[in-house]
Structures are given as structure tokens and as C-alpha cells.
Amino acid sequence: MGLTETVGYESGVEVRLASFVRTVSSDVASPSDTPYLGFTVVVVNGSRGR
């Protein structure tokens, strides 16, 4: 399974990652000037009241 694929559960809930952005932490972060990947977690609640 890849990072861009949607994961579905028996309950009807689906989860996926989106909006990937490569960036570097600022000089006031700890650790500073460190590459990282930012992303959004998308959750679709299709559980129908379970």
C-alpha cells in the first residue's frame, strides 16, 4: 500500500493522506533546518451510525 492510497474499514470509514509538501523546519524549531514532509489526513465517516 502506498502513501496516496485510501484505506477502507469494514465500518465504512475511509482514511487517506493528501496535500504532500516538502519543507524545512525554521530556525526557531527544534531541531532547526531539518527537512520534513507535511500532509493532510482526510477521514470520511461512512459508518452509518455504527
PDB file of N, CA and C in Angstrom:
ATOM      1  N   MET A   1       0.839  -1.163   0.000  1.00  0.00           N
ATOM      2  CA  MET A   1       0.000   0.000   0.000  1.00  0.00           C
ATOM      3  C   MET A   1       0.896   1.242   0.000  1.00  0.00           C
ATOM      4  N   GLY A   2       0.541   2.211  -0.833  1.00  0.00           N
ATOM      5  CA  GLY A   2       1.319   3.443  -0.932  1.00  0.00           C
ATOM      6  C   GLY A   2       0.720   4.566  -0.100  1.00  0.00           C
ATOM      7  N   LEU A   3       1.463   5.642   0.029  1.00  0.00           N
ATOM      8  CA  LEU A   3       1.017   6.786   0.828  1.00  0.00           C
ATOM      9  C   LEU A   3      -0.209   7.484   0.259  1.00  0.00           C
ATOM     10  N   THR A   4      -0.467   7.347  -1.025  1.00  0.00           N
ATOM     11  CA  THR A   4      -1.590   8.054  -1.642  1.00  0.00           C
ATOM     12  C   THR A   4      -2.856   7.205  -1.744  1.00  0.00           C
ATOM     13  N   GLU A   5      -2.795   5.976  -1.307  1.00  0.00           N
ATOM     14  CA  GLU A   5      -3.955   5.087  -1.401  1.00  0.00           C
ATOM     15  C   GLU A   5      -4.910   5.283  -0.223  1.00  0.00           C
ATOM     16  N   THR A   6      -6.193   5.110  -0.471  1.00  0.00           N
ATOM     17  CA  THR A   6      -7.218   5.201   0.560  1.00  0.00           C
ATOM     18  C   THR A   6      -7.343   3.859   1.273  1.00  0.00           C
ATOM     19  N   VAL A   7      -7.440   3.905   2.603  1.00  0.00           N
ATOM     20  CA  VAL A   7      -7.646   2.703   3.413  1.00  0.00           C
ATOM     21  C   VAL A   7      -9.104   2.699   3.850  1.00  0.00           C
ATOM     22  N   GLY A   8      -9.801   1.609   3.577  1.00  0.00           N
ATOM     23  CA  GLY A   8     -11.201   1.479   3.974  1.00  0.00           C
ATOM     24  C   GLY A   8     -11.359   0.433   5.055  1.00  0.00           C
ATOM     25  N   TYR A   9     -12.257   0.705   5.991  1.00  0.00           N
ATOM     26  CA  TYR A   9     -12.520  -0.215   7.091  1.00  0.00           C
ATOM     27  C   TYR A   9     -13.932  -0.781   6.958  1.00  0.00           C
ATOM     28  N   GLU A  10     -14.180  -1.934   7.569  1.00  0.00           N
ATOM     29  CA  GLU A  10     -15.484  -2.592   7.492  1.00  0.00           C
ATOM     30  C   GLU A  10     -16.613  -1.693   7.975  1.00  0.00           C
ATOM     31  N   SER A  11     -16.306  -0.777   8.864  1.00  0.00           N
ATOM     32  CA  SER A  11     -17.323   0.121   9.418  1.00  0.00           C
ATOM     33  C   SER A  11     -17.791   1.170   8.411  1.00  0.00           C
ATOM     34  N   GLY A  12     -17.057   1.321   7.305  1.00  0.00           N
ATOM     35  CA  GLY A  12     -17.393   2.332   6.310  1.00  0.00           C
ATOM     36  C   GLY A  12     -16.508   3.560   6.378  1.00  0.00           C
ATOM     37  N   VAL A  13     -15.633   3.631   7.362  1.00  0.00           N
ATOM     38  CA  VAL A  13     -14.709   4.760   7.492  1.00  0.00           C
ATOM     39  C   VAL A  13     -13.580   4.594   6.481  1.00  0.00           C
ATOM     40  N   GLU A  14     -13.203   5.704   5.828  1.00  0.00           N
ATOM     41  CA  GLU A  14     -12.077   5.715   4.898  1.00  0.00           C
ATOM     42  C   GLU A  14     -11.078   6.768   5.342  1.00  0.00           C
ATOM     43  N   VAL A  15      -9.781   6.461   5.186  1.00  0.00           N
ATOM     44  CA  VAL A  15      -8.705   7.366   5.584  1.00  0.00           C
ATOM     45  C   VAL A  15      -7.693   7.438   4.455  1.00  0.00           C
ATOM     46  N   ARG A  16      -7.227   8.670   4.159  1.00  0.00           N
ATOM     47  CA  ARG A  16      -6.176   8.834   3.159  1.00  0.00           C
ATOM     48  C   ARG A  16      -5.332  10.046   3.511  1.00  0.00           C
ATOM     49  N   LEU A  17      -4.152  10.111   2.941  1.00  0.00           N
ATOM     50  CA  LEU A  17      -3.253  11.254   3.095  1.00  0.00           C
ATOM     51  C   LEU A  17      -3.317  12.085   1.820  1.00  0.00           C
ATOM     52  N   ALA A  18      -3.210  13.413   1.957  1.00  0.00           N
ATOM     53  CA  ALA A  18      -3.307  14.305   0.801  1.00  0.00           C
ATOM     54  C   ALA A  18      -2.429  15.540   1.013  1.00  0.00           C
ATOM     55  N   SER A  19      -2.279  16.319  -0.038  1.00  0.00           N
ATOM     56  CA  SER A  19      -1.589  17.622   0.006  1.00  0.00           C
ATOM     57  C   SER A  19      -0.177  17.525   0.571  1.00  0.00           C
ATOM     58  N   PHE A  20       0.634  16.662  -0.002  1.00  0.00           N
ATOM     59  CA  PHE A  20       2.009  16.486   0.446  1.00  0.00           C
ATOM     60  C   PHE A  20       2.847  17.716   0.105  1.00  0.00           C
ATOM     61  N   VAL A  21       3.657  18.174   1.077  1.00  0.00           N
ATOM     62  CA  VAL A  21       4.533  19.321   0.879  1.00  0.00           C
ATOM     63  C   VAL A  21       5.871  19.030   1.551  1.00  0.00           C
ATOM     64  N   ARG A  22       6.946  19.133   0.764  1.00  0.00           N
ATOM     65  CA  ARG A  22       8.285  19.011   1.356  1.00  0.00           C
ATOM     66  C   ARG A  22       8.698  20.389   1.840  1.00  0.00           C
ATOM     67  N   THR A  23       9.244  20.445   3.038  1.00  0.00           N
ATOM     68  CA  THR A  23       9.653  21.729   3.589  1.00  0.00           C
ATOM     69  C   THR A  23      10.787  21.518   4.587  1.00  0.00           C
ATOM     70  N   VAL A  24      11.253  22.599   5.172  1.00  0.00           N
ATOM     71  CA  VAL A  24      12.349  22.554   6.144  1.00  0.00           C
ATOM     72  C   VAL A  24      11.902  23.324   7.378  1.00  0.00           C
ATOM     73  N   SER A  25      12.187  22.781   8.545  1.00  0.00           N
ATOM     74  CA  SER A  25      11.802  23.458   9.781  1.00  0.00           C
ATOM     75  C   SER A  25      12.543  24.789   9.909  1.00  0.00           C
ATOM     76  N   SER A  26      11.942  25.724  10.640  1.00  0.00           N
ATOM     77  CA  SER A  26      12.520  27.062  10.786  1.00  0.00           C
ATOM     78  C   SER A  26      13.692  27.058  11.761  1.00  0.00           C
ATOM     79  N   ASP A  27      14.342  28.187  11.874  1.00  0.00           N
ATOM     80  CA  ASP A  27      15.499  28.289  12.776  1.00  0.00           C
ATOM     81  C   ASP A  27      15.094  28.318  14.244  1.00  0.00           C
ATOM     82  N   VAL A  28      13.810  28.548  14.546  1.00  0.00           N
ATOM     83  CA  VAL A  28      13.359  28.536  15.941  1.00  0.00           C
ATOM     84  C   VAL A  28      12.744  27.190  16.337  1.00  0.00           C
ATOM     85  N   ALA A  29      12.656  26.253  15.382  1.00  0.00           N
ATOM     86  CA  ALA A  29      12.131  24.915  15.674  1.00  0.00           C
ATOM     87  C   ALA A  29      13.237  24.050  16.267  1.00  0.00           C
ATOM     88  N   SER A  30      12.832  22.943  16.870  1.00  0.00           N
ATOM     89  CA  SER A  30      13.818  22.017  17.395  1.00  0.00           C
ATOM     90  C   SER A  30      13.503  20.623  16.860  1.00  0.00           C
ATOM     91  N   PRO A  31      14.331  20.048  16.023  1.00  0.00           N
ATOM     92  CA  PRO A  31      15.588  20.592  15.524  1.00  0.00           C
ATOM     93  C   PRO A  31      15.352  21.591  14.385  1.00  0.00           C
ATOM     94  N   SER A  32      16.222  22.561  14.267  1.00  0.00           N
ATOM     95  CA  SER A  32      16.088  23.590  13.237  1.00  0.00           C
ATOM     96  C   SER A  32      16.666  23.112  11.907  1.00  0.00           C
ATOM     97  N   ASP A  33      16.185  23.737  10.847  1.00  0.00           N
ATOM     98  CA  ASP A  33      16.685  23.471   9.486  1.00  0.00           C
ATOM     99  C   ASP A  33      16.698  21.985   9.133  1.00  0.00           C
ATOM    100  N   THR A  34      15.633  21.280   9.496  1.00  0.00           N
ATOM    101  CA  THR A  34      15.520  19.845   9.252  1.00  0.00           C
ATOM    102  C   THR A  34      14.426  19.586   8.220  1.00  0.00           C
ATOM    103  N   PRO A  35      14.737  18.844   7.151  1.00  0.00           N
ATOM    104  CA  PRO A  35      13.704  18.537   6.150  1.00  0.00           C
ATOM    105  C   PRO A  35      12.599  17.665   6.740  1.00  0.00           C
ATOM    106  N   TYR A  36      11.374  17.946   6.347  1.00  0.00           N
ATOM    107  CA  TYR A  36      10.262  17.090   6.743  1.00  0.00           C
ATOM    108  C   TYR A  36       9.168  17.153   5.692  1.00  0.00           C
ATOM    109  N   LEU A  37       8.198  16.261   5.809  1.00  0.00           N
ATOM    110  CA  LEU A  37       7.080  16.174   4.882  1.00  0.00           C
ATOM    111  C   LEU A  37       5.801  16.527   5.626  1.00  0.00           C
ATOM    112  N   GLY A  38       5.100  17.546   5.125  1.00  0.00           N
ATOM    113  CA  GLY A  38       3.811  17.910   5.699  1.00  0.00           C
ATOM    114  C   GLY A  38       2.709  17.278   4.861  1.00  0.00           C
ATOM    115  N   PHE A  39       1.581  16.938   5.485  1.00  0.00           N
ATOM    116  CA  PHE A  39       0.466  16.349   4.755  1.00  0.00           C
ATOM    117  C   PHE A  39      -0.823  16.539   5.532  1.00  0.00           C
ATOM    118  N   THR A  40      -1.938  16.325   4.855  1.00  0.00           N
ATOM    119  CA  THR A  40      -3.265  16.395   5.455  1.00  0.00           C
ATOM    120  C   THR A  40      -3.818  14.986   5.584  1.00  0.00           C
ATOM    121  N   VAL A  41      -4.450  14.688   6.715  1.00  0.00           N
ATOM    122  CA  VAL A  41      -5.134  13.411   6.914  1.00  0.00           C
ATOM    123  C   VAL A  41      -6.617  13.645   6.635  1.00  0.00           C
ATOM    124  N   VAL A  42      -7.168  12.898   5.674  1.00  0.00           N
ATOM    125  CA  VAL A  42      -8.575  13.021   5.298  1.00  0.00           C
ATOM    126  C   VAL A  42      -9.317  11.800   5.823  1.00  0.00           C
ATOM    127  N   VAL A  43     -10.363  12.034   6.622  1.00  0.00           N
ATOM    128  CA  VAL A  43     -11.180  10.955   7.176  1.00  0.00           C
ATOM    129  C   VAL A  43     -12.607  11.141   6.676  1.00  0.00           C
ATOM    130  N   VAL A  44     -13.155  10.104   6.052  1.00  0.00           N
ATOM    131  CA  VAL A  44     -14.539  10.119   5.597  1.00  0.00           C
ATOM    132  C   VAL A  44     -15.301   9.119   6.464  1.00  0.00           C
ATOM    133  N   ASN A  45     -16.257   9.629   7.225  1.00  0.00           N
ATOM    134  CA  ASN A  45     -17.027   8.783   8.142  1.00  0.00           C
ATOM    135  C   ASN A  45     -18.268   8.265   7.418  1.00  0.00           C
ATOM    136  N   GLY A  46     -18.149   7.092   6.845  1.00  0.00           N
ATOM    137  CA  GLY A  46     -19.279   6.456   6.184  1.00  0.00           C
ATOM    138  C   GLY A  46     -19.843   5.338   7.035  1.00  0.00           C
ATOM    139  N   SER A  47     -19.745   5.471   8.354  1.00  0.00           N
ATOM    140  CA  SER A  47     -20.088   4.366   9.260  1.00  0.00           C
ATOM    141  C   SER A  47     -21.598   4.151   9.436  1.00  0.00           C
ATOM    142  N   ARG A  48     -22.407   5.073   9.010  1.00  0.00           N
ATOM    143  CA  ARG A  48     -23.869   4.921   9.079  1.00  0.00           C
ATOM    144  C   ARG A  48     -24.349   4.634  10.505  1.00  0.00           C
ATOM    145  N   GLY A  49     -23.847   5.381  11.480  1.00  0.00           N
ATOM    146  CA  GLY A  49     -24.331   5.290  12.857  1.00  0.00           C
ATOM    147  C   GLY A  49     -23.834   4.116  13.657  1.00  0.00           C
ATOM    148  N   ARG A  50     -22.807   3.444  13.211  1.00  0.00           N
ATOM    149  CA  ARG A  50     -22.280   2.302  13.978  1.00  0.00           C
ATOM    150  C   ARG A  50     -21.469   2.770  15.136  1.00  0.00           C
TER     151      ARG A  50
END
